[in-house]
């Protein structure tokens, strides 16, 4: 139950963040999402797990009407990038329109 509630909250926050950008040209037919992870510690990271951890975010992007679905035809995902920030760990997403 706690995981489901956290996932719903994460999805809602992603939708709200996209909506706050006020992108007037959406919906798009296709988009590419790039993720940059900033971690406190420098250790080995698994790109597959990092991408999987963003499932609720991808759903939030769809909820914000950027694209109609998060399948491979509408949303492409770039290889995650891993960075170090001891003070402010975070995930930064860049969403680009694909023509």
Protein backbone atom coordinates (compact mmCIF):
# COMPACT_ATOMS: atom_id res chain seq x y z
CA UNK A 1 0.00 0.00 0.00
CA UNK A 2 2.77 2.45 0.87
CA UNK A 3 4.55 1.82 -2.45
CA UNK A 4 1.33 2.44 -4.42
CA UNK A 5 0.66 5.68 -2.55
CA UNK A 6 4.23 6.87 -3.11
CA UNK A 7 3.99 6.01 -6.81
CA UNK A 8 0.73 7.97 -7.17
CA UNK A 9 2.27 10.96 -5.41
CA UNK A 10 5.39 10.79 -7.63
CA UNK A 11 3.17 10.59 -10.72
CA UNK A 12 1.10 13.59 -9.58
CA UNK A 13 4.21 15.65 -8.83
CA UNK A 14 5.61 14.87 -12.29
CA UNK A 15 2.35 15.96 -13.93
CA UNK A 16 2.27 19.17 -11.91
CA UNK A 17 5.90 19.96 -12.75
CA UNK A 18 5.24 19.54 -16.47
CA UNK A 19 2.05 21.61 -16.29
CA UNK A 20 3.91 24.37 -14.43
CA UNK A 21 6.18 24.79 -17.47
CA UNK A 22 3.13 25.99 -19.49
CA UNK A 23 4.24 24.44 -22.78
CA UNK A 24 1.71 25.75 -25.28
CA UNK A 25 2.65 23.43 -28.15
CA UNK A 26 1.55 20.18 -26.46
CA UNK A 27 0.31 17.59 -27.16
CA UNK A 28 3.20 16.24 -29.21
CA UNK A 29 3.11 13.13 -31.36
CA UNK A 30 6.53 12.01 -30.07
CA UNK A 31 8.94 13.03 -27.34
CA UNK A 32 12.35 12.05 -26.02
CA UNK A 33 12.99 12.04 -22.27
CA UNK A 34 16.52 12.31 -20.93
CA UNK A 35 17.22 11.71 -17.23
CA UNK A 36 20.20 13.07 -15.30
CA UNK A 37 20.60 11.60 -11.82
CA UNK A 38 22.62 13.54 -9.24
CA UNK A 39 23.68 11.35 -6.31
CA UNK A 40 25.34 12.15 -2.99
CA UNK A 41 27.82 9.31 -3.31
CA UNK A 42 29.98 8.09 -6.16
CA UNK A 43 29.33 4.38 -6.65
CA UNK A 44 28.28 1.98 -9.36
CA UNK A 45 24.79 2.67 -10.78
CA UNK A 46 22.53 0.38 -12.80
CA UNK A 47 21.04 2.23 -15.81
CA UNK A 48 18.17 -0.27 -16.14
CA UNK A 49 17.09 0.22 -12.54
CA UNK A 50 17.42 3.99 -12.86
CA UNK A 51 15.15 3.98 -15.91
CA UNK A 52 12.68 1.67 -14.18
CA UNK A 53 12.50 3.98 -11.18
CA UNK A 54 11.03 6.66 -13.45
CA UNK A 55 7.91 4.71 -14.51
CA UNK A 56 5.59 6.91 -12.46
CA UNK A 57 7.26 10.00 -13.92
CA UNK A 58 6.65 8.78 -17.47
CA UNK A 59 3.00 8.23 -16.54
CA UNK A 60 2.87 11.77 -15.13
CA UNK A 61 4.22 13.13 -18.42
CA UNK A 62 1.37 11.34 -20.21
CA UNK A 63 -1.13 12.67 -17.63
CA UNK A 64 0.11 16.19 -18.45
CA UNK A 65 -0.83 15.50 -22.11
CA UNK A 66 2.69 15.89 -23.49
CA UNK A 67 2.21 12.67 -25.49
CA UNK A 68 -0.71 10.26 -25.70
CA UNK A 69 1.16 7.22 -24.35
CA UNK A 70 4.52 6.26 -22.86
CA UNK A 71 5.07 3.40 -25.31
CA UNK A 72 8.06 3.29 -27.67
CA UNK A 73 6.08 4.90 -30.51
CA UNK A 74 5.35 8.06 -28.54
CA UNK A 75 8.09 8.38 -25.91
CA UNK A 76 11.73 7.53 -26.36
CA UNK A 77 14.02 7.32 -23.38
CA UNK A 78 17.65 8.28 -23.51
CA UNK A 79 20.38 6.49 -21.59
CA UNK A 80 20.39 7.85 -18.01
CA UNK A 81 23.29 10.06 -17.01
CA UNK A 82 24.83 9.79 -13.54
CA UNK A 83 26.41 12.77 -11.80
CA UNK A 84 27.65 13.66 -8.34
CA UNK A 85 26.20 16.38 -6.11
CA UNK A 86 26.97 15.92 -2.42
CA UNK A 87 24.64 18.74 -1.37
CA UNK A 88 21.54 18.47 -3.62
CA UNK A 89 20.79 14.97 -4.93
CA UNK A 90 18.06 15.06 -7.55
CA UNK A 91 16.80 13.84 -10.90
CA UNK A 92 16.59 16.31 -13.78
CA UNK A 93 14.45 15.42 -16.78
CA UNK A 94 14.71 17.03 -20.19
CA UNK A 95 11.76 16.48 -22.50
CA UNK A 96 12.28 17.20 -26.18
CA UNK A 97 9.75 17.20 -28.97
CA UNK A 98 10.54 14.76 -31.81
CA UNK A 99 9.20 15.74 -35.22
